[in-house]
Amino acid sequence: MPFYLPAHSLGLVSDELCRAGSSFAPNSACWLRTACAQSSKDVAGWAICQTWTSPQEESEWAVRVLGESEVATCDSCETLRVTAGSGLTPLIQEAYSERLKALQGLLSGSLSPTPDNLAKASSPILPVTRGVIEALRDDPDQDLLARRLASETALSSVLNKALLLLRTLLAGSHEPNIASAEPAQTALTKNIDALEREIRLLQIELQVRQMLATNTASLVLDRHAGGADASRTVEQGDPEPGRLNDADARRK
């Protein structure tokens, strides 16, 4: 009976990694998955555990991005199924809608600025703080800047996930069952190349946005600070308001 390995269904690849258990170093993908699944306090703050709650969740995200091809490891077997992925663009739009909704709730007051609610509007790369929300509330261009901020946090959030997924794929390529199966290695290499292209495109887009405009959060805070400083400025009156008249009188 042939052994089938879905080449980039990460949940199943993680299963293969965990079956190899002891042969992996503590920083391997298998060890990470096992620790996260057990809610280990030592790794609870690790990026990969904060990003996905389970191997299955990461698997579903990977399949959406890269698609899925079921590979048979015997020479005479055919590829059973191929499903195209959607790439990262639809996920960026979804992330944008979620973060914009959270930002609008925080700005309107329907959501209190708790750490959990702020996290809904943030990304690991671009956190949204209570100060940013307070500054946005006072800004006359609140709606425009909120949309820009949601766009930036969405893009950086998806980029962060893509980089974590890439690390998982690279770790999975060393799993013995995958490393010894040429069809699986070919499929995995193809997926790594596709993901790296998607990441490069996101990085270029992020760089272009940064060149065209400063970071929205920094802009909001700078404008708010400038307005606060201006409001605290007290214009001093002339200590001798009649001196010009006195000077004219003396000349006469």
Protein backbone atom coordinates (compact mmCIF):
# COMPACT_ATOMS: atom_id res chain seq x y z
CA MET A 1 0.00 0.00 0.00
CA PRO A 2 1.58 3.33 -1.03
CA PHE A 3 2.34 6.03 1.56
CA TYR A 4 0.69 9.35 0.71
CA LEU A 5 1.98 12.67 2.02
CA PRO A 6 0.02 15.88 1.39
CA ALA A 7 3.04 17.97 0.50
CA HIS A 8 2.06 21.25 2.07
CA SER A 9 -0.85 20.39 4.33
CA LEU A 10 1.13 21.50 7.36
CA GLY A 11 -1.01 19.67 9.89
CA LEU A 12 -0.06 16.34 8.32
CA VAL A 13 3.55 17.36 7.85
CA SER A 14 3.61 18.27 11.54
CA ASP A 15 2.27 14.80 12.35
CA GLU A 16 5.17 13.29 10.42
CA LEU A 17 7.58 15.56 12.28
CA CYS A 18 6.16 14.56 15.64
CA ARG A 19 6.42 10.86 14.78
CA ALA A 20 10.11 11.52 14.27
CA GLY A 21 10.05 13.21 17.72
CA SER A 22 13.35 12.47 19.37
CA SER A 23 15.40 13.02 16.23
CA PHE A 24 14.57 16.73 16.21
CA ALA A 25 16.32 19.45 18.16
CA PRO A 26 14.32 21.51 20.69
CA ASN A 27 13.87 24.33 18.16
CA SER A 28 12.35 22.10 15.49
CA ALA A 29 8.85 22.52 14.08
CA CYS A 30 7.73 19.31 15.83
CA TRP A 31 8.91 20.47 19.23
CA LEU A 32 7.18 23.82 18.72
CA ARG A 33 3.89 22.17 17.78
CA THR A 34 4.00 19.78 20.73
CA ALA A 35 4.81 22.58 23.18
CA CYS A 36 2.10 24.87 21.82
CA ALA A 37 -0.47 22.10 21.88
CA GLN A 38 0.35 21.41 25.52
CA SER A 39 0.08 25.15 26.34
CA SER A 40 3.57 25.08 27.78
CA LYS A 41 4.22 28.20 29.86
CA ASP A 42 7.80 28.26 28.61
CA VAL A 43 6.71 28.82 24.98
CA ALA A 44 3.37 30.54 25.46
CA GLY A 45 4.90 33.82 24.35
CA TRP A 46 6.63 32.44 21.28
CA ALA A 47 5.54 34.05 18.00
CA ILE A 48 4.38 30.83 16.38
CA CYS A 49 2.21 29.90 19.37
CA GLN A 50 0.66 33.37 19.48
CA THR A 51 -0.03 33.33 15.75
CA TRP A 52 -1.73 29.93 15.47
CA THR A 53 -3.47 28.10 18.29
CA SER A 54 -2.93 24.64 16.78
CA PRO A 55 -1.14 22.80 13.95
CA GLN A 56 -4.52 22.39 12.25
CA GLU A 57 -5.05 26.15 12.18
CA GLU A 58 -1.65 26.69 10.59
CA SER A 59 -2.37 23.85 8.16
CA GLU A 60 -5.60 25.47 7.00
CA TRP A 61 -3.86 28.83 6.57
CA ALA A 62 -1.06 27.21 4.53
CA VAL A 63 -3.50 25.35 2.27
CA ARG A 64 -5.41 28.58 1.57
CA VAL A 65 -2.21 30.33 0.54
CA LEU A 66 -0.35 27.56 -1.28
CA GLY A 67 -3.05 25.10 -2.24
CA GLU A 68 -2.67 21.37 -1.72
CA SER A 69 -1.26 18.51 -3.74
CA GLU A 70 -1.42 14.97 -2.42
CA VAL A 71 1.78 13.18 -3.35
CA ALA A 72 2.34 9.44 -3.50
CA THR A 73 5.82 8.31 -2.55
CA CYS A 74 5.84 5.17 -4.70
CA ASP A 75 7.26 5.49 -8.24
CA SER A 76 4.24 3.98 -9.99
CA CYS A 77 1.64 6.11 -8.18
CA GLU A 78 0.01 9.24 -9.51
CA THR A 79 -0.65 12.54 -7.81
CA LEU A 80 -4.11 12.10 -6.34
CA ARG A 81 -5.31 15.68 -5.99
CA VAL A 82 -4.16 19.21 -6.70
CA THR A 83 -5.92 22.29 -5.30
CA ALA A 84 -4.76 25.78 -6.24
CA GLY A 85 -3.98 28.29 -3.50
CA SER A 86 -5.25 31.85 -3.39
CA GLY A 87 -1.99 33.54 -2.45
CA LEU A 88 -1.71 36.20 0.25
CA THR A 89 -3.81 38.99 -1.31
CA PRO A 90 -7.26 37.75 -0.14
CA LEU A 91 -5.88 37.25 3.37
CA ILE A 92 -4.61 40.83 3.43
CA GLN A 93 -8.09 42.09 2.55
CA GLU A 94 -9.64 39.96 5.30
CA ALA A 95 -7.08 41.20 7.82
CA TYR A 96 -7.75 44.79 6.74
CA SER A 97 -11.52 44.43 7.29
CA GLU A 98 -10.98 42.90 10.74
CA ARG A 99 -8.53 45.58 11.87
CA LEU A 100 -10.58 48.44 10.50
CA LYS A 101 -13.64 47.15 12.37
CA ALA A 102 -11.62 46.92 15.59
CA LEU A 103 -10.16 50.41 15.09
CA GLN A 104 -13.58 51.92 14.46
CA GLY A 105 -14.90 50.26 17.61
CA LEU A 106 -12.00 51.60 19.67
CA LEU A 107 -12.43 55.10 18.24
CA SER A 108 -16.20 55.19 18.75
CA GLY A 109 -15.92 53.85 22.29
CA SER A 110 -17.95 50.70 21.64
CA LEU A 111 -14.75 48.77 22.39
CA SER A 112 -12.71 49.68 25.45
CA PRO A 113 -8.92 49.97 24.86
CA THR A 114 -8.03 46.76 26.66
CA PRO A 115 -4.92 44.80 25.61
CA ASP A 116 -7.11 42.19 23.87
CA ASN A 117 -9.08 44.79 21.91
CA LEU A 118 -5.93 46.70 20.98
CA ALA A 119 -4.42 43.44 19.76
CA LYS A 120 -7.37 43.02 17.36
CA ALA A 121 -6.35 46.27 15.66
CA SER A 122 -2.60 45.56 15.79
CA SER A 123 -0.02 43.34 14.21
CA PRO A 124 3.09 41.85 15.86
CA ILE A 125 5.20 44.24 13.78
CA LEU A 126 3.02 47.36 14.18
CA PRO A 127 1.25 47.44 17.55
CA VAL A 128 -1.59 49.91 18.10
CA THR A 129 -1.38 51.45 21.57
CA ARG A 130 -3.85 53.35 23.73
CA GLY A 131 -1.92 56.53 22.90
CA VAL A 132 -2.47 55.99 19.18
CA ILE A 133 -6.22 55.58 19.73
CA GLU A 134 -6.44 58.74 21.86
CA ALA A 135 -4.47 60.70 19.26
CA LEU A 136 -6.70 59.44 16.44
CA ARG A 137 -9.82 60.50 18.31
CA ASP A 138 -8.56 64.10 18.35
CA ASP A 139 -7.47 64.15 14.70
CA PRO A 140 -9.76 65.84 12.14
CA ASP A 141 -8.68 63.23 9.54
CA GLN A 142 -9.58 60.35 11.83
CA ASP A 143 -11.35 58.20 9.23
CA LEU A 144 -8.63 58.50 6.59
CA LEU A 145 -5.81 57.82 9.03
CA ALA A 146 -7.68 54.90 10.61
CA ARG A 147 -7.99 53.27 7.18
CA ARG A 148 -4.31 53.81 6.47
CA LEU A 149 -3.38 52.35 9.83
CA ALA A 150 -5.65 49.32 9.29
CA SER A 151 -4.05 48.76 5.88
CA GLU A 152 -0.52 48.87 7.33
CA THR A 153 -1.28 46.55 10.25
CA ALA A 154 -3.08 44.09 7.95
CA LEU A 155 -0.17 43.95 5.52
CA SER A 156 2.43 43.52 8.26
CA SER A 157 0.30 40.88 10.03
CA VAL A 158 0.04 38.71 6.92
CA LEU A 159 3.74 39.21 6.19
CA ASN A 160 4.59 38.04 9.70
CA LYS A 161 2.45 34.90 9.27
CA ALA A 162 4.02 34.17 5.89
CA LEU A 163 7.53 34.36 7.38
CA LEU A 164 6.56 31.98 10.20
CA LEU A 165 5.04 29.57 7.70
CA LEU A 166 8.20 29.69 5.61
CA ARG A 167 10.25 28.68 8.66
CA THR A 168 7.90 25.77 9.27
CA LEU A 169 8.19 24.60 5.66
CA LEU A 170 11.99 24.80 5.81
CA ALA A 171 12.01 22.79 9.05
CA GLY A 172 9.62 20.25 7.54
CA SER A 173 11.90 19.68 4.55
CA HIS A 174 14.37 17.94 6.91
CA GLU A 175 11.83 15.44 8.24
CA PRO A 176 13.14 11.96 7.22
CA ASN A 177 9.98 10.73 5.47
CA ILE A 178 9.83 13.90 3.40
CA ALA A 179 13.58 14.11 2.79
CA SER A 180 13.65 10.53 1.47
CA ALA A 181 10.67 10.95 -0.88
CA GLU A 182 11.60 12.78 -4.09
CA PRO A 183 7.98 13.68 -5.08
CA ALA A 184 7.38 15.18 -1.65
CA GLN A 185 10.67 17.10 -1.79
CA THR A 186 9.78 18.45 -5.24
CA ALA A 187 6.35 19.59 -4.09
CA LEU A 188 7.73 21.11 -0.90
CA THR A 189 10.47 22.99 -2.79
CA LYS A 190 7.88 24.32 -5.20
CA ASN A 191 5.75 25.60 -2.33
CA ILE A 192 8.73 27.21 -0.57
CA ASP A 193 9.64 29.03 -3.80
CA ALA A 194 6.04 30.21 -4.26
CA LEU A 195 5.83 31.46 -0.68
CA GLU A 196 9.16 33.27 -0.97
CA ARG A 197 7.86 35.07 -4.08
CA GLU A 198 4.71 36.12 -2.22
CA ILE A 199 6.82 37.39 0.70
CA ARG A 200 9.08 39.40 -1.62
CA LEU A 201 6.05 41.04 -3.22
CA LEU A 202 4.69 41.98 0.22
CA GLN A 203 8.06 43.38 1.28
CA ILE A 204 8.23 45.51 -1.87
CA GLU A 205 4.69 46.77 -1.29
CA LEU A 206 5.50 47.65 2.32
CA GLN A 207 8.68 49.47 1.29
CA VAL A 208 6.81 51.48 -1.34
CA ARG A 209 4.17 52.50 1.19
CA GLN A 210 6.86 53.60 3.63
CA MET A 211 8.52 55.68 0.93
CA LEU A 212 5.26 57.36 -0.02
CA ALA A 213 4.15 58.17 3.50
CA THR A 214 5.47 58.02 7.02
CA ASN A 215 4.12 55.39 9.37
CA THR A 216 0.54 56.36 10.19
CA ALA A 217 0.80 55.71 13.90
CA SER A 218 3.88 57.94 14.18
CA LEU A 219 2.19 60.64 12.10
CA VAL A 220 -0.89 60.62 14.33
CA LEU A 221 1.18 60.88 17.48
CA ASP A 222 3.39 63.65 16.07
CA ARG A 223 0.39 65.70 14.98
CA HIS A 224 -1.32 65.19 18.31
CA ALA A 225 1.80 66.17 20.24
CA GLY A 226 2.24 69.28 18.07
CA GLY A 227 -1.35 70.32 18.67
CA ALA A 228 -1.02 69.79 22.41
CA ASP A 229 2.16 71.86 22.54
CA ALA A 230 0.51 74.65 20.58
CA SER A 231 -2.50 74.68 22.89
CA ARG A 232 -0.24 75.03 25.91
CA THR A 233 1.56 78.06 24.42
CA VAL A 234 0.47 81.32 26.08
CA GLU A 235 1.04 84.50 24.14
CA GLN A 236 2.60 87.11 26.38
CA GLY A 237 1.22 90.64 26.15
CA ASP A 238 3.44 93.67 25.72
CA PRO A 239 4.68 94.58 29.24
CA GLU A 240 4.62 98.27 28.22
CA PRO A 241 1.62 98.65 25.92
CA GLY A 242 1.84 102.48 25.82
CA ARG A 243 5.52 102.85 24.99
CA LEU A 244 4.97 103.89 21.36
CA ASN A 245 2.58 106.66 22.37
CA ASP A 246 5.00 107.78 25.05
CA ALA A 247 7.83 107.92 22.52
CA ASP A 248 5.74 110.05 20.15
CA ALA A 249 4.78 112.35 22.98
CA ARG A 250 8.41 112.88 23.96
CA ARG A 251 9.37 113.75 20.39
CA LYS A 252 6.72 116.42 20.35
